[in-house]
Structure formats: structure tokens, C-alpha cells
């Protein structure tokens, strides 16, 4: 399970170092990972084995509906299969960096089965949105969650 938020730096070649504590689960036995765009202007980072069934579901959806076609173009069209180098770094493709508005400082945020990768500005906006949530208007299922 991927959880927690880690500040990362994007190097001059467009690579990030995956925290050591997540490497074995994210790239078991050296398997590749998949990075793709998300409609919220962040990136999704999946172990390849976890991404494949999601990708098959997306590809199988009919493409004549403009909304469905747009999401297919985004999620599958931007998907990049990448491998970690010997130092635990992975390249984030220029098209993905542009989509997410990446500069030097990034945030890797665990979401259970995958990570989200946010620009510093995007992650700060998400935190502000979290702080402004009205407890009387929680999404379905969260109103009864005991923490």
C-alpha cells in the first residue's frame, strides 16, 4: 500500500528519485512502472501490473462519446512505461512534465494502489482545498468514517 507524502526534486534531466521505502512495491523484481496524466493536472504513478487491468478497461470503453474519448486520450495517450535506473530514479517524460506544470519541487502522494505526483504549486492548492472542506458536505461514505 502506497501512503504518505514525500517532497522530491526533479533533476536537470527530468528524473525523480523514488523513495527507497517504496521501490520494491512499486517496481517488484525490476518491473517497469507506468506514469500517466490525470484530469486534475497531476500525474499517476502505477506499478505496471496494477496499471494493465485499468488500461484494458479504459481502452474497451466506446470512443464515440466525446467525454469518454477525451479521457481515453488523456489516460492512455499520455501513459509512459518507464524503468528505474541503478540509483532508483525514473524519467518523467517532457509531455507529462508540461501537462502537470512541473518545476523543480514535486510531491509524491500515496493513494493506496498508486501514487499521485504533484507540482509544488498544485499540491499547495490541494492542501488549501482540503482545509476549506465543509464537514457538513463530505462526499458519500466519508460522513460515517471514524478516524
C-alpha atoms as a PDB file:
ATOM      1  CA  UNK A   1       0.000   0.000   0.000  1.00  0.00           C
ATOM      2  CA  UNK A   2       1.342   3.387  -1.007  1.00  0.00           C
ATOM      3  CA  UNK A   3       0.765   6.111   1.552  1.00  0.00           C
ATOM      4  CA  UNK A   4       2.339   9.305   2.772  1.00  0.00           C
ATOM      5  CA  UNK A   5       3.580  12.413   1.001  1.00  0.00           C
ATOM      6  CA  UNK A   6       7.221  12.939   0.098  1.00  0.00           C
ATOM      7  CA  UNK A   7       8.892  16.041  -1.285  1.00  0.00           C
ATOM      8  CA  UNK A   8      11.035  15.223  -4.318  1.00  0.00           C
ATOM      9  CA  UNK A   9      13.273  17.201  -6.638  1.00  0.00           C
ATOM     10  CA  UNK A  10      13.204  16.981 -10.401  1.00  0.00           C
ATOM     11  CA  UNK A  11      16.772  16.853 -11.718  1.00  0.00           C
ATOM     12  CA  UNK A  12      18.089  18.624 -14.814  1.00  0.00           C
ATOM     13  CA  UNK A  13      17.363  15.533 -16.958  1.00  0.00           C
ATOM     14  CA  UNK A  14      13.713  15.320 -15.828  1.00  0.00           C
ATOM     15  CA  UNK A  15      14.182  12.441 -13.391  1.00  0.00           C
ATOM     16  CA  UNK A  16      12.931  11.909  -9.849  1.00  0.00           C
ATOM     17  CA  UNK A  17      14.328   9.551  -7.238  1.00  0.00           C
ATOM     18  CA  UNK A  18      11.666   7.174  -5.926  1.00  0.00           C
ATOM     19  CA  UNK A  19      11.989   6.910  -2.126  1.00  0.00           C
ATOM     20  CA  UNK A  20      13.748   3.661  -1.216  1.00  0.00           C
ATOM     21  CA  UNK A  21      10.897   2.533   1.036  1.00  0.00           C
ATOM     22  CA  UNK A  22       8.542   2.370  -1.976  1.00  0.00           C
ATOM     23  CA  UNK A  23      10.813   0.931  -4.661  1.00  0.00           C
ATOM     24  CA  UNK A  24      10.265  -2.788  -4.029  1.00  0.00           C
ATOM     25  CA  UNK A  25       6.473  -2.455  -4.094  1.00  0.00           C
ATOM     26  CA  UNK A  26       6.381  -0.003  -6.991  1.00  0.00           C
ATOM     27  CA  UNK A  27       8.782  -1.941  -9.217  1.00  0.00           C
ATOM     28  CA  UNK A  28       8.763  -5.542  -7.961  1.00  0.00           C
ATOM     29  CA  UNK A  29      11.654  -7.570  -9.410  1.00  0.00           C
ATOM     30  CA  UNK A  30      12.666  -4.577 -11.517  1.00  0.00           C
ATOM     31  CA  UNK A  31       9.366  -4.480 -13.413  1.00  0.00           C
ATOM     32  CA  UNK A  32       8.582  -1.161 -15.112  1.00  0.00           C
ATOM     33  CA  UNK A  33       6.164   1.392 -13.771  1.00  0.00           C
ATOM     34  CA  UNK A  34       3.619   3.469 -15.661  1.00  0.00           C
ATOM     35  CA  UNK A  35       3.251   7.226 -15.403  1.00  0.00           C
ATOM     36  CA  UNK A  36       0.251   8.954 -16.954  1.00  0.00           C
ATOM     37  CA  UNK A  37      -1.690  12.205 -16.805  1.00  0.00           C
ATOM     38  CA  UNK A  38      -4.697  12.795 -14.553  1.00  0.00           C
ATOM     39  CA  UNK A  39      -7.502  15.295 -15.282  1.00  0.00           C
ATOM     40  CA  UNK A  40      -6.611  17.221 -12.084  1.00  0.00           C
ATOM     41  CA  UNK A  41      -3.244  18.201 -13.630  1.00  0.00           C
ATOM     42  CA  UNK A  42      -1.186  15.774 -11.615  1.00  0.00           C
ATOM     43  CA  UNK A  43       0.385  12.510 -12.727  1.00  0.00           C
ATOM     44  CA  UNK A  44      -0.480   8.956 -11.721  1.00  0.00           C
ATOM     45  CA  UNK A  45       2.316   6.502 -10.968  1.00  0.00           C
ATOM     46  CA  UNK A  46       1.385   2.800 -11.012  1.00  0.00           C
ATOM     47  CA  UNK A  47       3.251  -0.472 -10.846  1.00  0.00           C
ATOM     48  CA  UNK A  48       2.860  -1.830 -14.384  1.00  0.00           C
ATOM     49  CA  UNK A  49       0.939  -4.889 -13.169  1.00  0.00           C
ATOM     50  CA  UNK A  50      -1.631  -2.669 -11.418  1.00  0.00           C
ATOM     51  CA  UNK A  51      -1.985  -0.337 -14.420  1.00  0.00           C
ATOM     52  CA  UNK A  52      -2.609  -3.046 -17.036  1.00  0.00           C
ATOM     53  CA  UNK A  53      -6.170  -4.010 -15.960  1.00  0.00           C
ATOM     54  CA  UNK A  54      -7.093  -0.328 -15.628  1.00  0.00           C
ATOM     55  CA  UNK A  55      -5.723   0.373 -19.090  1.00  0.00           C
ATOM     56  CA  UNK A  56      -7.680  -2.553 -20.561  1.00  0.00           C
ATOM     57  CA  UNK A  57     -10.901  -1.192 -19.020  1.00  0.00           C
ATOM     58  CA  UNK A  58     -10.269   2.279 -20.429  1.00  0.00           C
ATOM     59  CA  UNK A  59      -9.381   1.010 -23.909  1.00  0.00           C
ATOM     60  CA  UNK A  60     -12.516  -1.159 -24.012  1.00  0.00           C
ATOM     61  CA  UNK A  61     -14.804   1.848 -23.465  1.00  0.00           C
ATOM     62  CA  UNK A  62     -16.629   3.163 -26.524  1.00  0.00           C
ATOM     63  CA  UNK A  63     -14.885   6.104 -28.121  1.00  0.00           C
ATOM     64  CA  UNK A  64     -17.770   7.941 -29.759  1.00  0.00           C
ATOM     65  CA  UNK A  65     -18.814   9.817 -26.627  1.00  0.00           C
ATOM     66  CA  UNK A  66     -16.622  12.959 -26.592  1.00  0.00           C
ATOM     67  CA  UNK A  67     -16.055  12.820 -22.798  1.00  0.00           C
ATOM     68  CA  UNK A  68     -15.032   9.169 -22.913  1.00  0.00           C
ATOM     69  CA  UNK A  69     -12.767   9.786 -25.899  1.00  0.00           C
ATOM     70  CA  UNK A  70     -11.111  12.718 -24.122  1.00  0.00           C
ATOM     71  CA  UNK A  71     -10.405  10.663 -21.007  1.00  0.00           C
ATOM     72  CA  UNK A  72      -9.036   7.806 -23.119  1.00  0.00           C
ATOM     73  CA  UNK A  73      -6.733  10.238 -24.902  1.00  0.00           C
ATOM     74  CA  UNK A  74      -5.548  11.632 -21.593  1.00  0.00           C
ATOM     75  CA  UNK A  75      -5.118   8.449 -19.567  1.00  0.00           C
ATOM     76  CA  UNK A  76      -3.883   6.083 -22.284  1.00  0.00           C
ATOM     77  CA  UNK A  77      -2.415   8.624 -24.677  1.00  0.00           C
ATOM     78  CA  UNK A  78      -0.078  10.091 -22.070  1.00  0.00           C
ATOM     79  CA  UNK A  79       0.845   6.745 -20.444  1.00  0.00           C
ATOM     80  CA  UNK A  80       4.581   6.100 -20.398  1.00  0.00           C
ATOM     81  CA  UNK A  81       6.251   2.866 -19.310  1.00  0.00           C
ATOM     82  CA  UNK A  82       9.496   3.636 -17.505  1.00  0.00           C
ATOM     83  CA  UNK A  83      12.164   1.734 -15.598  1.00  0.00           C
ATOM     84  CA  UNK A  84      14.140   2.829 -12.576  1.00  0.00           C
ATOM     85  CA  UNK A  85      17.844   3.344 -13.138  1.00  0.00           C
ATOM     86  CA  UNK A  86      20.503   1.961 -10.798  1.00  0.00           C
ATOM     87  CA  UNK A  87      20.103   4.951  -8.471  1.00  0.00           C
ATOM     88  CA  UNK A  88      16.322   4.481  -8.137  1.00  0.00           C
ATOM     89  CA  UNK A  89      15.493   7.374 -10.454  1.00  0.00           C
ATOM     90  CA  UNK A  90      12.802   7.419 -13.104  1.00  0.00           C
ATOM     91  CA  UNK A  91      12.416   9.735 -16.077  1.00  0.00           C
ATOM     92  CA  UNK A  92       9.256  11.836 -16.228  1.00  0.00           C
ATOM     93  CA  UNK A  93       8.611  12.448 -19.935  1.00  0.00           C
ATOM     94  CA  UNK A  94       8.647  16.096 -21.088  1.00  0.00           C
ATOM     95  CA  UNK A  95       4.997  15.889 -22.225  1.00  0.00           C
ATOM     96  CA  UNK A  96       3.953  14.739 -18.755  1.00  0.00           C
ATOM     97  CA  UNK A  97       6.060  17.395 -17.015  1.00  0.00           C
ATOM     98  CA  UNK A  98       4.407  20.027 -19.186  1.00  0.00           C
ATOM     99  CA  UNK A  99       0.881  18.678 -18.516  1.00  0.00           C
ATOM    100  CA  UNK A 100       1.396  18.788 -14.747  1.00  0.00           C
ATOM    101  CA  UNK A 101       3.275  22.114 -14.728  1.00  0.00           C
ATOM    102  CA  UNK A 102       6.354  20.646 -13.084  1.00  0.00           C
ATOM    103  CA  UNK A 103       9.251  22.746 -11.972  1.00  0.00           C
ATOM    104  CA  UNK A 104      11.956  21.632  -9.533  1.00  0.00           C
ATOM    105  CA  UNK A 105       9.943  20.764  -6.385  1.00  0.00           C
ATOM    106  CA  UNK A 106       7.415  17.896  -6.624  1.00  0.00           C
ATOM    107  CA  UNK A 107       5.263  15.862  -4.241  1.00  0.00           C
ATOM    108  CA  UNK A 108       4.779  12.098  -4.389  1.00  0.00           C
ATOM    109  CA  UNK A 109       1.479  11.362  -2.634  1.00  0.00           C
ATOM    110  CA  UNK A 110       0.354   7.828  -1.799  1.00  0.00           C
ATOM    111  CA  UNK A 111      -3.147   6.783  -2.822  1.00  0.00           C
ATOM    112  CA  UNK A 112      -3.165   3.135  -1.739  1.00  0.00           C
ATOM    113  CA  UNK A 113      -2.743   1.316  -5.060  1.00  0.00           C
ATOM    114  CA  UNK A 114      -0.707   4.058  -6.735  1.00  0.00           C
ATOM    115  CA  UNK A 115       0.889   7.466  -6.289  1.00  0.00           C
ATOM    116  CA  UNK A 116      -0.064  10.906  -7.456  1.00  0.00           C
ATOM    117  CA  UNK A 117       2.805  13.172  -8.488  1.00  0.00           C
ATOM    118  CA  UNK A 118       2.089  16.877  -7.996  1.00  0.00           C
ATOM    119  CA  UNK A 119       3.883  20.115  -8.753  1.00  0.00           C
ATOM    120  CA  UNK A 120       4.604  22.069  -5.597  1.00  0.00           C
ATOM    121  CA  UNK A 121       2.018  24.696  -6.592  1.00  0.00           C
ATOM    122  CA  UNK A 122      -0.583  22.035  -7.418  1.00  0.00           C
ATOM    123  CA  UNK A 123      -0.033  20.246  -4.097  1.00  0.00           C
ATOM    124  CA  UNK A 124      -0.330  23.534  -2.189  1.00  0.00           C
ATOM    125  CA  UNK A 125      -3.668  24.175  -3.950  1.00  0.00           C
ATOM    126  CA  UNK A 126      -4.849  20.683  -2.978  1.00  0.00           C
ATOM    127  CA  UNK A 127      -3.958  21.337   0.654  1.00  0.00           C
ATOM    128  CA  UNK A 128      -5.863  24.621   0.611  1.00  0.00           C
ATOM    129  CA  UNK A 129      -8.873  22.812  -0.865  1.00  0.00           C
ATOM    130  CA  UNK A 130      -8.639  20.191   1.897  1.00  0.00           C
ATOM    131  CA  UNK A 131      -8.622  22.898   4.559  1.00  0.00           C
ATOM    132  CA  UNK A 132     -11.716  24.525   3.088  1.00  0.00           C
ATOM    133  CA  UNK A 133     -13.814  21.332   3.096  1.00  0.00           C
ATOM    134  CA  UNK A 134     -17.106  21.813   4.858  1.00  0.00           C
ATOM    135  CA  UNK A 135     -17.662  18.925   7.274  1.00  0.00           C
ATOM    136  CA  UNK A 136     -21.394  19.146   6.530  1.00  0.00           C
ATOM    137  CA  UNK A 137     -20.774  18.486   2.838  1.00  0.00           C
ATOM    138  CA  UNK A 138     -18.493  15.457   2.925  1.00  0.00           C
ATOM    139  CA  UNK A 139     -18.554  13.065  -0.040  1.00  0.00           C
ATOM    140  CA  UNK A 140     -20.707   9.953   0.281  1.00  0.00           C
ATOM    141  CA  UNK A 141     -19.104   7.373   2.523  1.00  0.00           C
ATOM    142  CA  UNK A 142     -16.886   9.792   4.429  1.00  0.00           C
ATOM    143  CA  UNK A 143     -19.569  11.052   6.782  1.00  0.00           C
ATOM    144  CA  UNK A 144     -19.500   7.817   8.783  1.00  0.00           C
ATOM    145  CA  UNK A 145     -15.730   7.266   8.707  1.00  0.00           C
ATOM    146  CA  UNK A 146     -14.214   7.035  12.163  1.00  0.00           C
ATOM    147  CA  UNK A 147     -10.678   8.321  12.426  1.00  0.00           C
END
